[in-house]
Amino acid sequence: MGVSVTGASGRSLAKIRTAGLTLGLLGGAAFYLYGPPVTPALHAAAAAECNDLVGGNYRSYRLEWVTGTPSRWQCFDRSEPAQKPVDMGWWVTPGF
């Protein structure tokens, strides 16, 4: 029975690299689709910008995250329900 430099488990460096790359790509895609609404700083920045767009009254806006191509924030003015929502895009810069 021989001993290998990479271990006796049969895992090669190429397999480990491929698995790491696959997990990185899946993590990046998951963050693109669902990251901004779950990240507190980005969600707070989007809420503040939406509040500014509707006139600074926290009771009169509705913020939604729309998943799709492209994923984006949408801001609705509750005091003007017939008005179209404002598309704020994917990224809203947080004010740290």
N, C-alpha and C. Protein backbone atom coordinates (compact mmCIF):
# COMPACT_ATOMS: atom_id res chain seq x y z
N MET A 1 0.85 -1.17 0.00
CA MET A 1 0.00 0.00 0.00
C MET A 1 0.89 1.24 0.00
N GLY A 2 0.73 2.08 -1.01
CA GLY A 2 1.56 3.26 -1.14
C GLY A 2 0.95 4.47 -0.44
N VAL A 3 1.79 5.44 -0.19
CA VAL A 3 1.35 6.69 0.43
C VAL A 3 1.49 7.80 -0.59
N SER A 4 0.45 8.60 -0.73
CA SER A 4 0.43 9.68 -1.72
C SER A 4 0.67 11.01 -1.02
N VAL A 5 1.20 11.98 -1.77
CA VAL A 5 1.44 13.31 -1.23
C VAL A 5 0.12 14.02 -0.93
N THR A 6 -0.89 13.79 -1.77
CA THR A 6 -2.18 14.46 -1.58
C THR A 6 -3.09 13.69 -0.63
N GLY A 7 -2.64 12.58 -0.10
CA GLY A 7 -3.46 11.81 0.83
C GLY A 7 -3.99 10.55 0.19
N ALA A 8 -4.41 9.63 0.99
CA ALA A 8 -4.89 8.35 0.49
C ALA A 8 -6.38 8.38 0.18
N SER A 9 -7.02 9.54 0.27
CA SER A 9 -8.47 9.60 0.08
C SER A 9 -8.87 9.63 -1.39
N GLY A 10 -7.93 9.84 -2.28
CA GLY A 10 -8.25 9.89 -3.69
C GLY A 10 -8.65 11.27 -4.18
N ARG A 11 -8.60 12.28 -3.33
CA ARG A 11 -8.94 13.64 -3.74
C ARG A 11 -7.74 14.28 -4.42
N SER A 12 -7.94 14.71 -5.61
CA SER A 12 -6.83 15.37 -6.29
C SER A 12 -6.98 16.88 -6.13
N LEU A 13 -5.90 17.58 -6.39
CA LEU A 13 -5.91 19.03 -6.28
C LEU A 13 -6.89 19.65 -7.28
N ALA A 14 -7.03 19.05 -8.45
CA ALA A 14 -7.96 19.56 -9.47
C ALA A 14 -9.41 19.44 -9.00
N LYS A 15 -9.74 18.34 -8.34
CA LYS A 15 -11.11 18.16 -7.83
C LYS A 15 -11.42 19.17 -6.74
N ILE A 16 -10.45 19.40 -5.86
CA ILE A 16 -10.66 20.37 -4.77
C ILE A 16 -10.80 21.78 -5.34
N ARG A 17 -9.97 22.11 -6.34
CA ARG A 17 -10.06 23.43 -6.98
C ARG A 17 -11.40 23.61 -7.68
N THR A 18 -11.87 22.58 -8.37
CA THR A 18 -13.16 22.64 -9.06
C THR A 18 -14.30 22.81 -8.07
N ALA A 19 -14.25 22.07 -6.96
CA ALA A 19 -15.30 22.19 -5.94
C ALA A 19 -15.29 23.59 -5.33
N GLY A 20 -14.12 24.13 -5.06
CA GLY A 20 -14.03 25.49 -4.50
C GLY A 20 -14.56 26.54 -5.47
N LEU A 21 -14.22 26.40 -6.74
CA LEU A 21 -14.70 27.34 -7.75
C LEU A 21 -16.22 27.25 -7.89
N THR A 22 -16.75 26.04 -7.88
CA THR A 22 -18.20 25.85 -7.99
C THR A 22 -18.93 26.47 -6.80
N LEU A 23 -18.41 26.24 -5.59
CA LEU A 23 -19.03 26.85 -4.41
C LEU A 23 -18.93 28.37 -4.44
N GLY A 24 -17.82 28.91 -4.93
CA GLY A 24 -17.67 30.35 -5.05
C GLY A 24 -18.65 30.95 -6.04
N LEU A 25 -18.84 30.30 -7.17
CA LEU A 25 -19.79 30.79 -8.18
C LEU A 25 -21.22 30.71 -7.67
N LEU A 26 -21.57 29.61 -7.00
CA LEU A 26 -22.92 29.50 -6.45
C LEU A 26 -23.16 30.52 -5.35
N GLY A 27 -22.16 30.78 -4.53
CA GLY A 27 -22.27 31.81 -3.49
C GLY A 27 -22.43 33.20 -4.08
N GLY A 28 -21.67 33.48 -5.14
CA GLY A 28 -21.80 34.78 -5.82
C GLY A 28 -23.17 34.98 -6.44
N ALA A 29 -23.68 33.92 -7.07
CA ALA A 29 -25.02 34.01 -7.67
C ALA A 29 -26.09 34.18 -6.59
N ALA A 30 -25.94 33.49 -5.47
CA ALA A 30 -26.91 33.63 -4.38
C ALA A 30 -26.87 35.04 -3.81
N PHE A 31 -25.68 35.62 -3.67
CA PHE A 31 -25.60 36.99 -3.16
C PHE A 31 -26.20 37.97 -4.15
N TYR A 32 -25.99 37.75 -5.44
CA TYR A 32 -26.56 38.65 -6.45
C TYR A 32 -28.08 38.63 -6.38
N LEU A 33 -28.66 37.46 -6.21
CA LEU A 33 -30.11 37.35 -6.19
C LEU A 33 -30.74 37.74 -4.86
N TYR A 34 -30.11 37.38 -3.74
CA TYR A 34 -30.76 37.57 -2.44
C TYR A 34 -29.93 38.34 -1.42
N GLY A 35 -28.74 38.77 -1.76
CA GLY A 35 -27.86 39.43 -0.80
C GLY A 35 -28.31 40.80 -0.32
N PRO A 36 -28.62 41.73 -1.21
CA PRO A 36 -28.96 43.08 -0.75
C PRO A 36 -30.12 43.17 0.24
N PRO A 37 -31.22 42.42 0.07
CA PRO A 37 -32.28 42.56 1.08
C PRO A 37 -31.92 41.94 2.43
N VAL A 38 -30.97 41.02 2.46
CA VAL A 38 -30.60 40.36 3.71
C VAL A 38 -29.46 41.09 4.42
N THR A 39 -28.68 41.86 3.68
CA THR A 39 -27.57 42.60 4.26
C THR A 39 -28.13 43.86 4.93
N PRO A 40 -27.95 44.01 6.24
CA PRO A 40 -28.58 45.14 6.96
C PRO A 40 -28.19 46.51 6.42
N ALA A 41 -26.93 46.72 6.08
CA ALA A 41 -26.49 48.04 5.60
C ALA A 41 -27.13 48.38 4.25
N LEU A 42 -27.19 47.42 3.35
CA LEU A 42 -27.79 47.69 2.04
C LEU A 42 -29.30 47.88 2.14
N HIS A 43 -29.95 47.09 3.00
CA HIS A 43 -31.39 47.25 3.18
C HIS A 43 -31.72 48.60 3.80
N ALA A 44 -30.94 49.02 4.80
CA ALA A 44 -31.18 50.31 5.44
C ALA A 44 -30.93 51.46 4.47
N ALA A 45 -29.91 51.34 3.62
CA ALA A 45 -29.63 52.38 2.62
C ALA A 45 -30.76 52.47 1.59
N ALA A 46 -31.29 51.32 1.17
CA ALA A 46 -32.40 51.33 0.23
C ALA A 46 -33.65 51.93 0.87
N ALA A 47 -33.90 51.60 2.14
CA ALA A 47 -35.06 52.16 2.84
C ALA A 47 -34.94 53.67 2.98
N ALA A 48 -33.73 54.16 3.30
CA ALA A 48 -33.53 55.60 3.44
C ALA A 48 -33.70 56.32 2.11
N GLU A 49 -33.17 55.72 1.04
CA GLU A 49 -33.32 56.36 -0.28
C GLU A 49 -34.78 56.35 -0.74
N CYS A 50 -35.48 55.26 -0.48
CA CYS A 50 -36.90 55.19 -0.85
C CYS A 50 -37.69 56.21 -0.06
N ASN A 51 -37.37 56.36 1.21
CA ASN A 51 -38.04 57.35 2.05
C ASN A 51 -37.83 58.76 1.51
N ASP A 52 -36.60 59.05 1.06
CA ASP A 52 -36.32 60.36 0.47
C ASP A 52 -37.10 60.58 -0.83
N LEU A 53 -37.27 59.51 -1.61
CA LEU A 53 -37.98 59.63 -2.88
C LEU A 53 -39.47 59.95 -2.70
N VAL A 54 -40.06 59.48 -1.60
CA VAL A 54 -41.49 59.71 -1.40
C VAL A 54 -41.79 60.89 -0.49
N GLY A 55 -40.76 61.64 -0.12
CA GLY A 55 -41.01 62.86 0.63
C GLY A 55 -40.65 62.82 2.09
N GLY A 56 -39.93 61.81 2.53
CA GLY A 56 -39.44 61.80 3.90
C GLY A 56 -40.43 61.37 4.96
N ASN A 57 -41.50 60.71 4.59
CA ASN A 57 -42.47 60.22 5.56
C ASN A 57 -42.38 58.70 5.59
N TYR A 58 -41.87 58.14 6.68
CA TYR A 58 -41.64 56.69 6.74
C TYR A 58 -42.92 55.86 6.64
N ARG A 59 -44.06 56.47 6.80
CA ARG A 59 -45.32 55.72 6.73
C ARG A 59 -45.84 55.57 5.30
N SER A 60 -45.29 56.34 4.37
CA SER A 60 -45.91 56.36 3.05
C SER A 60 -45.09 55.69 1.96
N TYR A 61 -44.18 54.79 2.31
CA TYR A 61 -43.45 54.09 1.25
C TYR A 61 -43.49 52.59 1.47
N ARG A 62 -43.30 51.87 0.38
CA ARG A 62 -43.18 50.41 0.43
C ARG A 62 -41.98 50.04 -0.42
N LEU A 63 -41.07 49.30 0.15
CA LEU A 63 -39.84 48.90 -0.52
C LEU A 63 -39.91 47.41 -0.81
N GLU A 64 -39.63 47.03 -2.04
CA GLU A 64 -39.65 45.62 -2.42
C GLU A 64 -38.38 45.25 -3.15
N TRP A 65 -37.92 44.03 -2.94
CA TRP A 65 -36.79 43.47 -3.68
C TRP A 65 -37.38 42.55 -4.73
N VAL A 66 -37.12 42.84 -6.00
CA VAL A 66 -37.64 42.04 -7.11
C VAL A 66 -36.51 41.17 -7.63
N THR A 67 -36.68 39.85 -7.51
CA THR A 67 -35.66 38.92 -7.99
C THR A 67 -35.96 38.56 -9.43
N GLY A 68 -34.97 38.67 -10.26
CA GLY A 68 -35.13 38.35 -11.68
C GLY A 68 -33.90 38.81 -12.43
N THR A 69 -34.09 39.09 -13.68
CA THR A 69 -32.99 39.58 -14.50
C THR A 69 -33.32 40.96 -14.97
N PRO A 70 -32.78 41.99 -14.47
CA PRO A 70 -31.88 42.04 -13.31
C PRO A 70 -32.66 42.15 -12.01
N SER A 71 -32.04 41.71 -10.92
CA SER A 71 -32.63 41.89 -9.59
C SER A 71 -32.51 43.36 -9.22
N ARG A 72 -33.50 43.88 -8.48
CA ARG A 72 -33.49 45.33 -8.22
C ARG A 72 -34.43 45.67 -7.07
N TRP A 73 -34.22 46.87 -6.52
CA TRP A 73 -35.12 47.46 -5.53
C TRP A 73 -36.21 48.23 -6.26
N GLN A 74 -37.43 48.17 -5.74
CA GLN A 74 -38.51 49.00 -6.24
C GLN A 74 -39.16 49.71 -5.06
N CYS A 75 -39.41 51.00 -5.26
CA CYS A 75 -39.96 51.85 -4.21
C CYS A 75 -41.36 52.31 -4.64
N PHE A 76 -42.35 52.05 -3.80
CA PHE A 76 -43.73 52.44 -4.08
C PHE A 76 -44.13 53.56 -3.12
N ASP A 77 -44.89 54.50 -3.62
CA ASP A 77 -45.43 55.58 -2.79
C ASP A 77 -46.86 55.19 -2.42
N ARG A 78 -47.10 54.90 -1.15
CA ARG A 78 -48.43 54.47 -0.71
C ARG A 78 -49.47 55.58 -0.78
N SER A 79 -49.03 56.83 -0.73
CA SER A 79 -49.99 57.92 -0.80
C SER A 79 -50.47 58.15 -2.24
N GLU A 80 -49.73 57.62 -3.22
CA GLU A 80 -50.10 57.73 -4.65
C GLU A 80 -50.09 56.31 -5.24
N PRO A 81 -51.09 55.49 -4.96
CA PRO A 81 -51.04 54.10 -5.42
C PRO A 81 -51.10 53.93 -6.94
N ALA A 82 -51.64 54.90 -7.65
CA ALA A 82 -51.73 54.78 -9.11
C ALA A 82 -50.40 55.07 -9.79
N GLN A 83 -49.48 55.69 -9.07
CA GLN A 83 -48.19 56.04 -9.63
C GLN A 83 -47.31 54.79 -9.77
N LYS A 84 -46.51 54.74 -10.86
CA LYS A 84 -45.63 53.60 -11.08
C LYS A 84 -44.52 53.59 -10.04
N PRO A 85 -44.02 52.41 -9.67
CA PRO A 85 -42.93 52.35 -8.70
C PRO A 85 -41.63 52.88 -9.29
N VAL A 86 -40.76 53.36 -8.42
CA VAL A 86 -39.45 53.85 -8.85
C VAL A 86 -38.49 52.67 -8.80
N ASP A 87 -37.81 52.42 -9.92
CA ASP A 87 -36.82 51.35 -9.99
C ASP A 87 -35.49 51.91 -9.50
N MET A 88 -35.00 51.43 -8.36
CA MET A 88 -33.79 51.98 -7.75
C MET A 88 -32.54 51.18 -8.12
N GLY A 89 -32.68 50.13 -8.91
CA GLY A 89 -31.51 49.35 -9.31
C GLY A 89 -31.10 48.34 -8.26
N TRP A 90 -29.97 47.68 -8.51
CA TRP A 90 -29.49 46.62 -7.62
C TRP A 90 -28.74 47.19 -6.44
N TRP A 91 -27.86 48.16 -6.68
CA TRP A 91 -26.97 48.65 -5.64
C TRP A 91 -27.45 50.00 -5.13
N VAL A 92 -27.54 50.12 -3.84
CA VAL A 92 -27.80 51.40 -3.18
C VAL A 92 -26.66 51.59 -2.19
N THR A 93 -25.94 52.69 -2.31
CA THR A 93 -24.74 52.90 -1.50
C THR A 93 -25.10 53.18 -0.04
N PRO A 94 -24.61 52.32 0.87
CA PRO A 94 -24.89 52.54 2.29
C PRO A 94 -24.06 53.68 2.85
N GLY A 95 -24.61 54.43 3.75
CA GLY A 95 -23.87 55.50 4.41
C GLY A 95 -23.38 55.02 5.76
N PHE A 96 -22.14 54.58 5.80
CA PHE A 96 -21.59 53.99 7.04
C PHE A 96 -21.34 55.08 8.02
